[in-house]
Amino acid sequence: MKYFIFLFLLCSFSYAHKVNLFITNEKDKIEIYSYFASGAPCKNCRLIVENNKKVILEDVLNEEGKYFFTSKYKDIDIIVDASGGHIAKESLSLEHIKNEDLKTHLKNEEEKKYLDIFIGLALIALIFFLLKRFKK
């Protein structure tokens, strides 16, 4: 029983430091927005843009966790390094880039977070129910 609780706490702490990456195409510019699972922006995080494993851009995100640039390459890999092993990476082709609004994306992420919490609580309840059944 102690091991289940320890495993749950370990997983929840690792989720709290997860780095998310959101990329859109705004007027021929690529907009990168990176944030933590808590919703706080990834301030001054290191940004690396690669094409075929060659670094074409290396910079840091601004205070809002955003960065804008224009790419002349079709296929790129975008990596955000928040240090301490917290890295988000996304490979994309500029033909298939999302044109989703940032506010819509954040709203969807918030809804997904509540769904994850509900599923987690349901699994915990199921584990306790099964332990009670098998203990008899």
Protein backbone atom coordinates (compact mmCIF):
# COMPACT_ATOMS: atom_id res chain seq x y z
CA MET A 1 0.00 0.00 0.00
CA LYS A 2 2.83 2.37 0.89
CA TYR A 3 4.42 1.66 -2.49
CA PHE A 4 1.27 2.69 -4.39
CA ILE A 5 1.10 6.00 -2.56
CA PHE A 6 4.82 6.60 -3.11
CA LEU A 7 4.48 5.79 -6.82
CA PHE A 8 1.47 8.12 -7.14
CA LEU A 9 3.31 10.99 -5.44
CA LEU A 10 6.37 10.44 -7.61
CA CYS A 11 4.27 10.54 -10.79
CA SER A 12 2.39 13.66 -9.70
CA PHE A 13 5.61 15.55 -8.93
CA SER A 14 7.12 14.65 -12.29
CA TYR A 15 3.96 15.89 -14.04
CA ALA A 16 4.19 19.23 -12.22
CA HIS A 17 7.48 20.03 -13.96
CA LYS A 18 6.46 18.90 -17.42
CA VAL A 19 7.32 21.40 -20.16
CA ASN A 20 4.67 21.92 -22.84
CA LEU A 21 5.35 23.30 -26.29
CA PHE A 22 2.84 25.10 -28.50
CA ILE A 23 3.77 26.20 -32.03
CA THR A 24 1.70 28.20 -34.51
CA ASN A 25 2.19 30.03 -37.76
CA GLU A 26 1.37 33.74 -37.51
CA LYS A 27 1.70 35.83 -40.72
CA ASP A 28 4.65 33.82 -42.11
CA LYS A 29 6.33 33.78 -38.71
CA ILE A 30 6.59 30.80 -36.43
CA GLU A 31 5.40 31.53 -32.90
CA ILE A 32 6.71 29.28 -30.16
CA TYR A 33 5.10 29.29 -26.72
CA SER A 34 6.41 27.06 -23.95
CA TYR A 35 4.91 26.64 -20.49
CA PHE A 36 4.96 24.29 -17.52
CA ALA A 37 2.06 22.03 -16.52
CA SER A 38 1.08 24.61 -13.90
CA GLY A 39 0.51 27.15 -16.68
CA ALA A 40 3.52 29.30 -15.76
CA PRO A 41 5.51 30.41 -18.82
CA CYS A 42 8.94 28.91 -19.42
CA LYS A 43 10.83 32.17 -18.84
CA ASN A 44 14.32 32.49 -20.35
CA CYS A 45 14.38 28.81 -21.29
CA ARG A 46 16.89 27.75 -23.91
CA LEU A 47 15.52 27.35 -27.44
CA ILE A 48 17.22 25.25 -30.12
CA VAL A 49 15.95 24.93 -33.68
CA GLU A 50 17.51 22.19 -35.82
CA ASN A 51 17.28 21.08 -39.42
CA ASN A 52 18.65 17.60 -40.19
CA LYS A 53 20.44 17.50 -36.81
CA LYS A 54 22.22 20.82 -37.55
CA VAL A 55 21.52 23.75 -35.23
CA ILE A 56 20.11 26.67 -37.24
CA LEU A 57 19.00 28.83 -34.30
CA GLU A 58 19.91 28.96 -30.63
CA ASP A 59 18.40 31.58 -28.34
CA VAL A 60 16.25 31.97 -25.19
CA LEU A 61 12.52 32.49 -24.78
CA ASN A 62 11.28 35.86 -23.53
CA GLU A 63 9.60 36.58 -20.17
CA GLU A 64 6.25 35.32 -21.53
CA GLY A 65 7.80 32.03 -22.68
CA LYS A 66 7.46 33.06 -26.34
CA TYR A 67 9.73 33.35 -29.35
CA PHE A 68 9.04 34.47 -32.92
CA PHE A 69 11.14 33.70 -35.99
CA THR A 70 10.93 33.07 -39.72
CA SER A 71 12.27 29.78 -41.07
CA LYS A 72 13.57 29.17 -44.54
CA TYR A 73 13.63 25.41 -43.88
CA LYS A 74 10.68 23.10 -44.45
CA ASP A 75 11.39 20.43 -41.81
CA ILE A 76 12.62 21.59 -38.41
CA ASP A 77 12.97 20.27 -34.88
CA ILE A 78 12.17 22.69 -32.06
CA ILE A 79 13.65 21.95 -28.64
CA VAL A 80 12.97 23.90 -25.44
CA ASP A 81 15.32 23.11 -22.57
CA ALA A 82 14.16 24.30 -19.14
CA SER A 83 17.27 22.79 -17.51
CA GLY A 84 17.24 20.04 -14.94
CA GLY A 85 16.22 17.48 -17.56
CA HIS A 86 12.96 19.24 -18.44
CA ILE A 87 12.92 19.24 -22.23
CA ALA A 88 10.12 19.57 -24.77
CA LYS A 89 10.77 18.65 -28.40
CA GLU A 90 8.56 18.80 -31.45
CA SER A 91 9.40 17.91 -35.03
CA LEU A 92 7.31 19.61 -37.65
CA SER A 93 6.95 20.28 -41.32
CA LEU A 94 5.94 23.85 -42.08
CA GLU A 95 3.25 22.62 -44.47
CA HIS A 96 1.42 20.95 -41.58
CA ILE A 97 1.80 23.55 -38.85
CA LYS A 98 -1.17 24.29 -36.59
CA ASN A 99 -3.16 27.48 -37.03
CA GLU A 100 -4.86 27.12 -33.65
CA ASP A 101 -5.36 30.12 -31.40
CA LEU A 102 -3.24 30.18 -28.24
CA LYS A 103 -6.24 30.89 -25.99
CA THR A 104 -8.12 27.93 -27.48
CA HIS A 105 -5.09 25.70 -26.93
CA LEU A 106 -4.71 26.76 -23.29
CA LYS A 107 -8.44 26.18 -22.69
CA ASN A 108 -8.16 22.66 -24.18
CA GLU A 109 -5.11 21.94 -22.01
CA GLU A 110 -7.00 23.08 -18.91
CA GLU A 111 -9.93 20.78 -19.76
CA LYS A 112 -7.50 17.91 -20.37
CA LYS A 113 -5.91 18.55 -16.97
CA TYR A 114 -9.29 18.18 -15.23
CA LEU A 115 -9.97 14.98 -17.16
CA ASP A 116 -6.57 13.60 -16.07
CA ILE A 117 -7.35 14.45 -12.44
CA PHE A 118 -10.73 12.71 -12.68
CA ILE A 119 -9.18 9.59 -14.25
CA GLY A 120 -6.46 9.54 -11.56
CA LEU A 121 -9.00 9.75 -8.75
CA ALA A 122 -11.11 7.02 -10.37
CA LEU A 123 -8.05 4.75 -10.61
CA ILE A 124 -7.19 5.38 -6.96
CA ALA A 125 -10.76 4.54 -5.95
CA LEU A 126 -10.61 1.38 -8.07
CA ILE A 127 -7.34 0.32 -6.43
CA PHE A 128 -8.78 0.78 -2.93
CA PHE A 129 -11.95 -1.08 -3.94
CA LEU A 130 -9.92 -4.00 -5.31
CA LEU A 131 -7.68 -4.09 -2.24
CA LYS A 132 -10.73 -4.20 0.01
CA ARG A 133 -12.29 -7.00 -2.07
CA PHE A 134 -9.16 -9.16 -2.08
CA LYS A 135 -8.38 -8.53 1.56
CA LYS A 136 -11.61 -10.29 2.63
